Amino acid sequence: MIRRRTALLLAAMVLLPAAIGWLVFYGAPLGMLGLETVQHHRGGATTGFGGLLPGNYARVLASPLYQRLLRETFKLAALCAAASLVVGYPIAWGLRLAADWARRSSTAGAFGPVLVSVVLRSLGWLVVLGEFGLLNLVLRTLRLEADLARRSHLVGELTELGNMVEVFLPFMVLALYGAVSRIDLAMIRAARNLGASRTRAFFEIVLPLSLPGAAVGVVSVFALATGAYITVAAFGGVRVRAMAEMAYEESSTLVNWQLGAAVLVVVLVSAFVLLRLLFAGLRRADRAAGGPGR
C-alpha cells in the first residue's frame, strides 16, 4: 500500500508540471479563442455575446466563400499527405536498407531541411518559380512567354503543393522509418528465395507491416498541412487561398478577431472529425491486412 501511494505521488509530481504547462500554454489560449468566437464585433469593438449559434459561426458556415475555402484547404492537405506518402516510402525503405554510414548521411539530408525556417524555404522557391524568379528570367532570355508564372498559374496550386510536400515530408519519412526499421529483412530474403520479385515482396510484406507508421504519417502531415499559412500566402496568390490565410486576414487586416477565431475553430473541429475518420479507416485497413492492430 505504501509503495502504491509512493508510486502515485511520484507520478503526480512528474505529470503535474506537464499538466500545468498544457493548461497555461494550450488550454487557456484555446478557451479564450472559443470565448472570442461567441462575441459580437461592431466597429472594431466587442459588444456582447451571441445566441446558441453565434453570428460568427453562422457567417462562416453559411458563406459560400468559406465553404469553398474549407474544401480547398482539406483538398490541399489531403494531396500533400498522399504525395508525402508516395515520396516518403522509397526514402524510408532506402534508409532501412542502407549501410550505417550511408544511413547517417542520408538521414542528415532528409531531416536537415527541418532546421531551416519555413519562411526561408518558401522564399527560396519564390526565387526560382516566382514572377521575377530564375525560371521566368530564363524564359524571357529565350524570348518565350515573359509572364509565364503569372499567366499559367505556375505559382499556384502545383507549386504550393510542392512546397508543402517539401516542408512536411520529413515528418512522413520519420513515421515511416520508425515502422520499416522494425521489419526483419530475413522475411524479404525468404520471399526473394521463393521467387517473389522485389516489387511483390515490398507490397506483400513491407507495405502491410508498415501501415501503422503510414497511418501516423498521413494523420500528422494532414493535420500540419491543414494549418499551413506561409506556403499559401507565398504561392497561392489570389487564386489559391486557404482558411488559415483568411483567419489571418480577418484578425490582422480587418481587425475582426471574433470572425477570425470562428474560422479557426471551424477548421479545428472539421479537421479533428476528418482525422478521426481517416485514422479509423487506416486502422480498419491495417486490421484487414493482418497488422498489429488486429
C-alpha atoms as a PDB file:
ATOM      1  CA  MET A   1       0.000   0.000   0.000  1.00  0.00           C
ATOM      2  CA  ILE A   2       2.812   2.383   0.880  1.00  0.00           C
ATOM      3  CA  ARG A   3       4.608   1.541  -2.342  1.00  0.00           C
ATOM      4  CA  ARG A   4       1.447   2.225  -4.326  1.00  0.00           C
ATOM      5  CA  ARG A   5       0.979   5.610  -2.671  1.00  0.00           C
ATOM      6  CA  THR A   6       4.626   6.431  -3.294  1.00  0.00           C
ATOM      7  CA  ALA A   7       4.274   5.466  -6.953  1.00  0.00           C
ATOM      8  CA  LEU A   8       1.140   7.605  -7.291  1.00  0.00           C
ATOM      9  CA  LEU A   9       2.896  10.534  -5.628  1.00  0.00           C
ATOM     10  CA  LEU A  10       5.877  10.255  -7.941  1.00  0.00           C
ATOM     11  CA  ALA A  11       3.575  10.016 -10.964  1.00  0.00           C
ATOM     12  CA  ALA A  12       1.703  13.120  -9.818  1.00  0.00           C
ATOM     13  CA  MET A  13       4.969  15.006  -9.324  1.00  0.00           C
ATOM     14  CA  VAL A  14       6.044  14.105 -12.865  1.00  0.00           C
ATOM     15  CA  LEU A  15       2.697  14.794 -14.547  1.00  0.00           C
ATOM     16  CA  LEU A  16       1.735  17.934 -12.642  1.00  0.00           C
ATOM     17  CA  PRO A  17       4.261  20.290 -14.350  1.00  0.00           C
ATOM     18  CA  ALA A  18       3.232  18.921 -17.750  1.00  0.00           C
ATOM     19  CA  ALA A  19      -0.450  19.375 -16.903  1.00  0.00           C
ATOM     20  CA  ILE A  20       0.133  22.944 -15.734  1.00  0.00           C
ATOM     21  CA  GLY A  21       2.148  23.714 -18.857  1.00  0.00           C
ATOM     22  CA  TRP A  22      -0.589  22.283 -21.082  1.00  0.00           C
ATOM     23  CA  LEU A  23      -3.238  24.298 -19.248  1.00  0.00           C
ATOM     24  CA  VAL A  24      -1.302  27.573 -19.385  1.00  0.00           C
ATOM     25  CA  PHE A  25       0.115  27.372 -22.903  1.00  0.00           C
ATOM     26  CA  TYR A  26      -2.592  25.407 -24.705  1.00  0.00           C
ATOM     27  CA  GLY A  27      -5.801  25.001 -22.729  1.00  0.00           C
ATOM     28  CA  ALA A  28      -6.199  28.631 -21.647  1.00  0.00           C
ATOM     29  CA  PRO A  29      -5.453  30.146 -25.104  1.00  0.00           C
ATOM     30  CA  LEU A  30      -7.820  27.666 -26.719  1.00  0.00           C
ATOM     31  CA  GLY A  31     -10.526  28.547 -24.218  1.00  0.00           C
ATOM     32  CA  MET A  32     -10.003  32.268 -24.833  1.00  0.00           C
ATOM     33  CA  LEU A  33     -10.213  31.593 -28.574  1.00  0.00           C
ATOM     34  CA  GLY A  34     -13.526  29.807 -28.137  1.00  0.00           C
ATOM     35  CA  LEU A  35     -14.834  32.599 -25.908  1.00  0.00           C
ATOM     36  CA  GLU A  36     -13.868  35.155 -28.532  1.00  0.00           C
ATOM     37  CA  THR A  37     -15.950  33.414 -31.196  1.00  0.00           C
ATOM     38  CA  VAL A  38     -19.266  33.885 -29.373  1.00  0.00           C
ATOM     39  CA  GLN A  39     -18.895  37.656 -29.067  1.00  0.00           C
ATOM     40  CA  HIS A  40     -20.158  40.307 -31.455  1.00  0.00           C
ATOM     41  CA  HIS A  41     -17.939  42.626 -33.467  1.00  0.00           C
ATOM     42  CA  ARG A  42     -19.071  46.200 -34.052  1.00  0.00           C
ATOM     43  CA  GLY A  43     -16.710  48.766 -35.458  1.00  0.00           C
ATOM     44  CA  GLY A  44     -13.585  47.116 -34.075  1.00  0.00           C
ATOM     45  CA  ALA A  45     -15.081  46.654 -30.589  1.00  0.00           C
ATOM     46  CA  THR A  46     -16.602  43.703 -28.766  1.00  0.00           C
ATOM     47  CA  THR A  47     -20.224  44.376 -27.854  1.00  0.00           C
ATOM     48  CA  GLY A  48     -21.546  41.182 -26.249  1.00  0.00           C
ATOM     49  CA  PHE A  49     -22.384  37.535 -26.648  1.00  0.00           C
ATOM     50  CA  GLY A  50     -24.423  35.780 -29.299  1.00  0.00           C
ATOM     51  CA  GLY A  51     -27.075  33.094 -29.025  1.00  0.00           C
ATOM     52  CA  LEU A  52     -26.883  29.325 -29.336  1.00  0.00           C
ATOM     53  CA  LEU A  53     -25.298  29.676 -32.785  1.00  0.00           C
ATOM     54  CA  PRO A  54     -23.355  32.958 -32.688  1.00  0.00           C
ATOM     55  CA  GLY A  55     -23.359  35.090 -35.778  1.00  0.00           C
ATOM     56  CA  ASN A  56     -19.673  34.425 -36.403  1.00  0.00           C
ATOM     57  CA  TYR A  57     -20.220  30.680 -36.785  1.00  0.00           C
ATOM     58  CA  ALA A  58     -23.374  31.219 -38.824  1.00  0.00           C
ATOM     59  CA  ARG A  59     -21.495  33.533 -41.148  1.00  0.00           C
ATOM     60  CA  VAL A  60     -18.636  31.068 -41.626  1.00  0.00           C
ATOM     61  CA  LEU A  61     -20.844  28.015 -42.109  1.00  0.00           C
ATOM     62  CA  ALA A  62     -23.348  29.735 -44.418  1.00  0.00           C
ATOM     63  CA  SER A  63     -20.883  31.644 -46.590  1.00  0.00           C
ATOM     64  CA  PRO A  64     -20.144  30.042 -49.992  1.00  0.00           C
ATOM     65  CA  LEU A  65     -16.692  31.645 -49.857  1.00  0.00           C
ATOM     66  CA  TYR A  66     -15.740  29.972 -46.581  1.00  0.00           C
ATOM     67  CA  GLN A  67     -17.260  26.667 -47.696  1.00  0.00           C
ATOM     68  CA  ARG A  68     -15.121  26.747 -50.840  1.00  0.00           C
ATOM     69  CA  LEU A  69     -12.015  27.680 -48.886  1.00  0.00           C
ATOM     70  CA  LEU A  70     -12.652  24.894 -46.387  1.00  0.00           C
ATOM     71  CA  ARG A  71     -12.878  22.375 -49.225  1.00  0.00           C
ATOM     72  CA  GLU A  72      -9.745  23.853 -50.815  1.00  0.00           C
ATOM     73  CA  THR A  73      -7.866  23.633 -47.525  1.00  0.00           C
ATOM     74  CA  PHE A  74      -8.722  19.984 -46.947  1.00  0.00           C
ATOM     75  CA  LYS A  75      -8.073  19.125 -50.600  1.00  0.00           C
ATOM     76  CA  LEU A  76      -4.564  20.598 -50.431  1.00  0.00           C
ATOM     77  CA  ALA A  77      -3.928  18.860 -47.102  1.00  0.00           C
ATOM     78  CA  ALA A  78      -5.093  15.507 -48.492  1.00  0.00           C
ATOM     79  CA  LEU A  79      -2.989  15.889 -51.648  1.00  0.00           C
ATOM     80  CA  CYS A  80       0.009  16.866 -49.523  1.00  0.00           C
ATOM     81  CA  ALA A  81      -0.425  13.804 -47.300  1.00  0.00           C
ATOM     82  CA  ALA A  82      -0.845  11.478 -50.294  1.00  0.00           C
ATOM     83  CA  ALA A  83       2.161  12.916 -52.145  1.00  0.00           C
ATOM     84  CA  SER A  84       4.297  12.785 -48.999  1.00  0.00           C
ATOM     85  CA  LEU A  85       3.311   9.141 -48.505  1.00  0.00           C
ATOM     86  CA  VAL A  86       4.268   8.210 -52.081  1.00  0.00           C
ATOM     87  CA  VAL A  87       7.583  10.066 -51.911  1.00  0.00           C
ATOM     88  CA  GLY A  88       8.349   9.077 -48.331  1.00  0.00           C
ATOM     89  CA  TYR A  89       8.087   5.296 -48.739  1.00  0.00           C
ATOM     90  CA  PRO A  90      11.120   4.919 -51.055  1.00  0.00           C
ATOM     91  CA  ILE A  91      13.160   7.241 -48.843  1.00  0.00           C
ATOM     92  CA  ALA A  92      12.263   5.404 -45.628  1.00  0.00           C
ATOM     93  CA  TRP A  93      12.862   1.974 -47.174  1.00  0.00           C
ATOM     94  CA  GLY A  94      16.147   3.159 -48.676  1.00  0.00           C
ATOM     95  CA  LEU A  95      17.260   4.307 -45.234  1.00  0.00           C
ATOM     96  CA  ARG A  96      16.329   0.885 -43.867  1.00  0.00           C
ATOM     97  CA  LEU A  97      18.410  -0.942 -46.457  1.00  0.00           C
ATOM     98  CA  ALA A  98      21.385   1.429 -46.406  1.00  0.00           C
ATOM     99  CA  ALA A  99      24.603   0.746 -44.555  1.00  0.00           C
ATOM    100  CA  ASP A 100      25.203   2.526 -41.253  1.00  0.00           C
ATOM    101  CA  TRP A 101      27.458   5.243 -42.686  1.00  0.00           C
ATOM    102  CA  ALA A 102      25.134   5.841 -45.641  1.00  0.00           C
ATOM    103  CA  ARG A 103      22.123   5.859 -43.336  1.00  0.00           C
ATOM    104  CA  ARG A 104      23.641   8.586 -41.176  1.00  0.00           C
ATOM    105  CA  SER A 105      24.413  10.765 -44.195  1.00  0.00           C
ATOM    106  CA  SER A 106      21.022  10.162 -45.783  1.00  0.00           C
ATOM    107  CA  THR A 107      19.220  10.877 -42.523  1.00  0.00           C
ATOM    108  CA  ALA A 108      21.011  14.211 -42.236  1.00  0.00           C
ATOM    109  CA  GLY A 109      19.989  15.038 -45.793  1.00  0.00           C
ATOM    110  CA  ALA A 110      16.364  14.001 -45.230  1.00  0.00           C
ATOM    111  CA  PHE A 111      15.839  15.819 -41.939  1.00  0.00           C
ATOM    112  CA  GLY A 112      18.304  18.680 -42.355  1.00  0.00           C
ATOM    113  CA  PRO A 113      15.747  20.994 -44.025  1.00  0.00           C
ATOM    114  CA  VAL A 114      13.681  20.908 -40.813  1.00  0.00           C
ATOM    115  CA  LEU A 115      16.404  23.035 -39.200  1.00  0.00           C
ATOM    116  CA  VAL A 116      15.793  25.794 -41.758  1.00  0.00           C
ATOM    117  CA  SER A 117      12.900  28.190 -41.300  1.00  0.00           C
ATOM    118  CA  VAL A 118       9.780  27.500 -43.364  1.00  0.00           C
ATOM    119  CA  VAL A 119       9.785  31.154 -44.396  1.00  0.00           C
ATOM    120  CA  LEU A 120      13.284  30.878 -45.870  1.00  0.00           C
ATOM    121  CA  ARG A 121      12.455  27.679 -47.714  1.00  0.00           C
ATOM    122  CA  SER A 122       9.283  29.210 -49.155  1.00  0.00           C
ATOM    123  CA  LEU A 123      11.173  32.309 -50.275  1.00  0.00           C
ATOM    124  CA  GLY A 124      13.745  30.016 -51.873  1.00  0.00           C
ATOM    125  CA  TRP A 125      11.012  28.511 -54.012  1.00  0.00           C
ATOM    126  CA  LEU A 126       9.886  32.008 -54.975  1.00  0.00           C
ATOM    127  CA  VAL A 127      13.414  32.846 -56.102  1.00  0.00           C
ATOM    128  CA  VAL A 128      13.179  30.021 -58.619  1.00  0.00           C
ATOM    129  CA  LEU A 129       9.483  29.959 -59.593  1.00  0.00           C
ATOM    130  CA  GLY A 130       8.276  33.459 -58.793  1.00  0.00           C
ATOM    131  CA  GLU A 131       7.162  36.087 -61.293  1.00  0.00           C
ATOM    132  CA  PHE A 132      10.663  37.589 -61.225  1.00  0.00           C
ATOM    133  CA  GLY A 133      12.385  34.272 -60.458  1.00  0.00           C
ATOM    134  CA  LEU A 134      15.063  32.321 -62.227  1.00  0.00           C
ATOM    135  CA  LEU A 135      12.714  30.318 -64.430  1.00  0.00           C
ATOM    136  CA  ASN A 136      10.900  33.383 -65.701  1.00  0.00           C
ATOM    137  CA  LEU A 137      14.255  35.085 -66.313  1.00  0.00           C
ATOM    138  CA  VAL A 138      15.403  32.170 -68.466  1.00  0.00           C
ATOM    139  CA  LEU A 139      12.136  32.210 -70.406  1.00  0.00           C
ATOM    140  CA  ARG A 140      12.441  35.928 -71.020  1.00  0.00           C
ATOM    141  CA  THR A 141      16.028  35.465 -72.180  1.00  0.00           C
ATOM    142  CA  LEU A 142      14.877  32.805 -74.644  1.00  0.00           C
ATOM    143  CA  ARG A 143      12.144  35.219 -75.803  1.00  0.00           C
ATOM    144  CA  LEU A 144       9.398  32.898 -74.644  1.00  0.00           C
ATOM    145  CA  GLU A 145       6.291  33.934 -72.690  1.00  0.00           C
ATOM    146  CA  ALA A 146       7.511  36.672 -70.353  1.00  0.00           C
ATOM    147  CA  ASP A 147       4.885  36.319 -67.638  1.00  0.00           C
ATOM    148  CA  LEU A 148       4.510  32.551 -67.543  1.00  0.00           C
ATOM    149  CA  ALA A 149       4.494  32.461 -63.756  1.00  0.00           C
ATOM    150  CA  ARG A 150       1.529  34.811 -63.608  1.00  0.00           C
ATOM    151  CA  ARG A 151      -0.500  33.729 -66.625  1.00  0.00           C
ATOM    152  CA  SER A 152      -0.137  29.955 -66.497  1.00  0.00           C
ATOM    153  CA  HIS A 153      -0.789  29.724 -62.757  1.00  0.00           C
ATOM    154  CA  LEU A 154       2.727  28.275 -62.278  1.00  0.00           C
ATOM    155  CA  VAL A 155       2.945  29.997 -58.914  1.00  0.00           C
ATOM    156  CA  GLY A 156      -0.296  28.414 -57.828  1.00  0.00           C
ATOM    157  CA  GLU A 157      -1.699  25.144 -56.633  1.00  0.00           C
ATOM    158  CA  LEU A 158       1.005  22.826 -58.013  1.00  0.00           C
ATOM    159  CA  THR A 159       3.860  24.962 -56.738  1.00  0.00           C
ATOM    160  CA  GLU A 160       2.112  25.420 -53.423  1.00  0.00           C
ATOM    161  CA  LEU A 161       1.573  21.665 -53.160  1.00  0.00           C
ATOM    162  CA  GLY A 162       5.224  21.008 -53.991  1.00  0.00           C
ATOM    163  CA  ASN A 163       6.361  23.422 -51.312  1.00  0.00           C
ATOM    164  CA  MET A 164       4.030  21.888 -48.751  1.00  0.00           C
ATOM    165  CA  VAL A 165       5.341  18.406 -49.554  1.00  0.00           C
ATOM    166  CA  GLU A 166       8.918  19.650 -49.197  1.00  0.00           C
ATOM    167  CA  VAL A 167       8.088  21.204 -45.829  1.00  0.00           C
ATOM    168  CA  PHE A 168       6.168  18.263 -44.304  1.00  0.00           C
ATOM    169  CA  LEU A 169       7.948  15.316 -45.978  1.00  0.00           C
ATOM    170  CA  PRO A 170      10.425  14.801 -43.080  1.00  0.00           C
ATOM    171  CA  PHE A 171       7.524  14.098 -40.707  1.00  0.00           C
ATOM    172  CA  MET A 172       6.236  11.405 -43.055  1.00  0.00           C
ATOM    173  CA  VAL A 173       9.686   9.876 -43.513  1.00  0.00           C
ATOM    174  CA  LEU A 174      10.197   9.827 -39.745  1.00  0.00           C
ATOM    175  CA  ALA A 175       6.924   7.970 -39.169  1.00  0.00           C
ATOM    176  CA  LEU A 176       7.554   5.510 -41.999  1.00  0.00           C
ATOM    177  CA  TYR A 177      11.146   4.832 -40.998  1.00  0.00           C
ATOM    178  CA  GLY A 178      10.038   4.073 -37.453  1.00  0.00           C
ATOM    179  CA  ALA A 179       7.750   1.383 -38.894  1.00  0.00           C
ATOM    180  CA  VAL A 180      10.010  -0.142 -41.560  1.00  0.00           C
ATOM    181  CA  SER A 181      13.032  -0.218 -39.243  1.00  0.00           C
ATOM    182  CA  ARG A 182      11.285  -2.947 -37.223  1.00  0.00           C
ATOM    183  CA  ILE A 183      10.776  -5.194 -40.262  1.00  0.00           C
ATOM    184  CA  ASP A 184      13.083  -8.202 -40.296  1.00  0.00           C
ATOM    185  CA  LEU A 185      14.976  -8.264 -43.590  1.00  0.00           C
ATOM    186  CA  ALA A 186      15.100 -12.059 -43.368  1.00  0.00           C
ATOM    187  CA  MET A 187      11.450 -12.090 -44.472  1.00  0.00           C
ATOM    188  CA  ILE A 188      12.373 -10.153 -47.602  1.00  0.00           C
ATOM    189  CA  ARG A 189      15.214 -12.562 -48.377  1.00  0.00           C
ATOM    190  CA  ALA A 190      12.900 -15.526 -47.811  1.00  0.00           C
ATOM    191  CA  ALA A 191      10.327 -14.066 -50.192  1.00  0.00           C
ATOM    192  CA  ARG A 192      13.024 -13.481 -52.789  1.00  0.00           C
ATOM    193  CA  ASN A 193      14.265 -17.052 -52.417  1.00  0.00           C
ATOM    194  CA  LEU A 194      10.721 -18.304 -53.007  1.00  0.00           C
ATOM    195  CA  GLY A 195      10.566 -16.441 -56.322  1.00  0.00           C
ATOM    196  CA  ALA A 196       8.893 -13.164 -55.372  1.00  0.00           C
ATOM    197  CA  SER A 197      10.089 -10.050 -57.162  1.00  0.00           C
ATOM    198  CA  ARG A 198      11.301  -7.009 -55.248  1.00  0.00           C
ATOM    199  CA  THR A 199       8.066  -5.195 -56.045  1.00  0.00           C
ATOM    200  CA  ARG A 200       5.868  -8.071 -54.879  1.00  0.00           C
ATOM    201  CA  ALA A 201       7.928  -8.509 -51.708  1.00  0.00           C
ATOM    202  CA  PHE A 202       7.516  -4.805 -50.957  1.00  0.00           C
ATOM    203  CA  PHE A 203       3.753  -4.720 -51.483  1.00  0.00           C
ATOM    204  CA  GLU A 204       3.027  -8.012 -49.702  1.00  0.00           C
ATOM    205  CA  ILE A 205       5.477  -7.729 -46.794  1.00  0.00           C
ATOM    206  CA  VAL A 206       6.770  -4.210 -46.259  1.00  0.00           C
ATOM    207  CA  LEU A 207       3.573  -2.331 -47.016  1.00  0.00           C
ATOM    208  CA  PRO A 208       1.219  -4.288 -44.702  1.00  0.00           C
ATOM    209  CA  LEU A 209       3.705  -4.296 -41.837  1.00  0.00           C
ATOM    210  CA  SER A 210       4.348  -0.552 -42.142  1.00  0.00           C
ATOM    211  CA  LEU A 211       0.698   0.551 -42.290  1.00  0.00           C
ATOM    212  CA  PRO A 212       0.701   1.780 -38.656  1.00  0.00           C
ATOM    213  CA  GLY A 213       3.610   4.101 -39.468  1.00  0.00           C
ATOM    214  CA  ALA A 214       1.865   5.202 -42.655  1.00  0.00           C
ATOM    215  CA  ALA A 215      -1.266   5.992 -40.637  1.00  0.00           C
ATOM    216  CA  VAL A 216       0.707   8.131 -38.196  1.00  0.00           C
ATOM    217  CA  GLY A 217       2.497   9.914 -41.043  1.00  0.00           C
ATOM    218  CA  VAL A 218      -0.668  10.624 -43.008  1.00  0.00           C
ATOM    219  CA  VAL A 219      -2.515  11.940 -39.965  1.00  0.00           C
ATOM    220  CA  SER A 220       0.462  14.105 -38.922  1.00  0.00           C
ATOM    221  CA  VAL A 221       1.030  15.604 -42.371  1.00  0.00           C
ATOM    222  CA  PHE A 222      -2.687  16.178 -42.946  1.00  0.00           C
ATOM    223  CA  ALA A 223      -3.022  17.979 -39.612  1.00  0.00           C
ATOM    224  CA  LEU A 224       0.059  20.127 -40.233  1.00  0.00           C
ATOM    225  CA  ALA A 225      -0.930  20.953 -43.811  1.00  0.00           C
ATOM    226  CA  THR A 226      -4.426  21.987 -42.716  1.00  0.00           C
ATOM    227  CA  GLY A 227      -2.968  24.890 -40.741  1.00  0.00           C
ATOM    228  CA  ALA A 228      -0.291  25.841 -43.265  1.00  0.00           C
ATOM    229  CA  TYR A 229      -0.124  29.602 -43.785  1.00  0.00           C
ATOM    230  CA  ILE A 230       3.320  30.566 -45.117  1.00  0.00           C
ATOM    231  CA  THR A 231       3.170  28.412 -48.235  1.00  0.00           C
ATOM    232  CA  VAL A 232      -0.382  29.508 -49.041  1.00  0.00           C
ATOM    233  CA  ALA A 233       0.437  33.182 -48.588  1.00  0.00           C
ATOM    234  CA  ALA A 234       3.641  32.908 -50.614  1.00  0.00           C
ATOM    235  CA  PHE A 235       2.386  30.829 -53.554  1.00  0.00           C
ATOM    236  CA  GLY A 236      -1.384  30.884 -53.554  1.00  0.00           C
ATOM    237  CA  GLY A 237      -1.855  34.490 -54.576  1.00  0.00           C
ATOM    238  CA  VAL A 238      -5.472  35.406 -55.226  1.00  0.00           C
ATOM    239  CA  ARG A 239      -6.385  32.130 -56.930  1.00  0.00           C
ATOM    240  CA  VAL A 240      -5.412  29.592 -54.269  1.00  0.00           C
ATOM    241  CA  ARG A 241      -6.364  30.512 -50.730  1.00  0.00           C
ATOM    242  CA  ALA A 242      -6.913  28.579 -47.536  1.00  0.00           C
ATOM    243  CA  MET A 243      -8.717  29.036 -44.243  1.00  0.00           C
ATOM    244  CA  ALA A 244      -5.547  29.848 -42.310  1.00  0.00           C
ATOM    245  CA  GLU A 245      -4.887  32.792 -44.620  1.00  0.00           C
ATOM    246  CA  MET A 246      -8.471  34.001 -44.261  1.00  0.00           C
ATOM    247  CA  ALA A 247      -8.267  33.755 -40.479  1.00  0.00           C
ATOM    248  CA  TYR A 248      -5.108  35.885 -40.518  1.00  0.00           C
ATOM    249  CA  GLU A 249      -6.734  38.403 -42.859  1.00  0.00           C
ATOM    250  CA  GLU A 250      -9.881  38.692 -40.723  1.00  0.00           C
ATOM    251  CA  SER A 251      -7.888  39.040 -37.496  1.00  0.00           C
ATOM    252  CA  SER A 252      -4.984  41.267 -38.538  1.00  0.00           C
ATOM    253  CA  THR A 253      -6.083  43.142 -41.640  1.00  0.00           C
ATOM    254  CA  LEU A 254      -9.789  43.643 -40.888  1.00  0.00           C
ATOM    255  CA  VAL A 255      -9.295  43.582 -37.079  1.00  0.00           C
ATOM    256  CA  ASN A 256     -12.249  41.225 -36.690  1.00  0.00           C
ATOM    257  CA  TRP A 257     -10.820  38.901 -34.067  1.00  0.00           C
ATOM    258  CA  GLN A 258     -14.174  37.270 -33.422  1.00  0.00           C
ATOM    259  CA  LEU A 259     -14.709  36.112 -37.011  1.00  0.00           C
ATOM    260  CA  GLY A 260     -11.061  35.108 -37.357  1.00  0.00           C
ATOM    261  CA  ALA A 261     -11.345  32.988 -34.213  1.00  0.00           C
ATOM    262  CA  ALA A 262     -14.553  31.404 -35.524  1.00  0.00           C
ATOM    263  CA  VAL A 263     -12.771  30.474 -38.761  1.00  0.00           C
ATOM    264  CA  LEU A 264     -10.005  28.774 -36.785  1.00  0.00           C
ATOM    265  CA  VAL A 265     -12.452  26.863 -34.576  1.00  0.00           C
ATOM    266  CA  VAL A 266     -14.390  25.635 -37.617  1.00  0.00           C
ATOM    267  CA  VAL A 267     -11.141  24.433 -39.210  1.00  0.00           C
ATOM    268  CA  LEU A 268     -10.025  22.813 -35.953  1.00  0.00           C
ATOM    269  CA  VAL A 269     -13.280  20.925 -35.393  1.00  0.00           C
ATOM    270  CA  SER A 270     -13.610  19.902 -39.053  1.00  0.00           C
ATOM    271  CA  ALA A 271     -10.007  18.692 -39.163  1.00  0.00           C
ATOM    272  CA  PHE A 272     -10.496  16.733 -35.938  1.00  0.00           C
ATOM    273  CA  VAL A 273     -13.559  14.965 -37.352  1.00  0.00           C
ATOM    274  CA  LEU A 274     -11.799  14.172 -40.635  1.00  0.00           C
ATOM    275  CA  LEU A 275      -8.696  12.928 -38.843  1.00  0.00           C
ATOM    276  CA  ARG A 276     -10.782  10.630 -36.652  1.00  0.00           C
ATOM    277  CA  LEU A 277     -12.485   9.187 -39.730  1.00  0.00           C
ATOM    278  CA  LEU A 278      -9.168   8.889 -41.558  1.00  0.00           C
ATOM    279  CA  PHE A 279      -7.436   7.194 -38.641  1.00  0.00           C
ATOM    280  CA  ALA A 280     -10.373   4.810 -38.204  1.00  0.00           C
ATOM    281  CA  GLY A 281     -10.203   3.906 -41.896  1.00  0.00           C
ATOM    282  CA  LEU A 282      -6.455   3.322 -41.744  1.00  0.00           C
ATOM    283  CA  ARG A 283      -6.807   1.147 -38.648  1.00  0.00           C
ATOM    284  CA  ARG A 284      -9.514  -0.873 -40.394  1.00  0.00           C
ATOM    285  CA  ALA A 285      -7.221  -1.335 -43.387  1.00  0.00           C
ATOM    286  CA  ASP A 286      -4.394  -2.367 -41.078  1.00  0.00           C
ATOM    287  CA  ARG A 287      -6.598  -4.995 -39.418  1.00  0.00           C
ATOM    288  CA  ALA A 288      -7.756  -6.271 -42.804  1.00  0.00           C
ATOM    289  CA  ALA A 289      -4.091  -6.643 -43.815  1.00  0.00           C
ATOM    290  CA  GLY A 290      -3.358  -8.618 -40.654  1.00  0.00           C
ATOM    291  CA  GLY A 291      -1.267  -5.889 -38.987  1.00  0.00           C
ATOM    292  CA  PRO A 292      -0.507  -5.424 -35.288  1.00  0.00           C
ATOM    293  CA  GLY A 293      -3.825  -3.707 -34.686  1.00  0.00           C
ATOM    294  CA  ARG A 294      -5.687  -6.951 -35.331  1.00  0.00           C
END
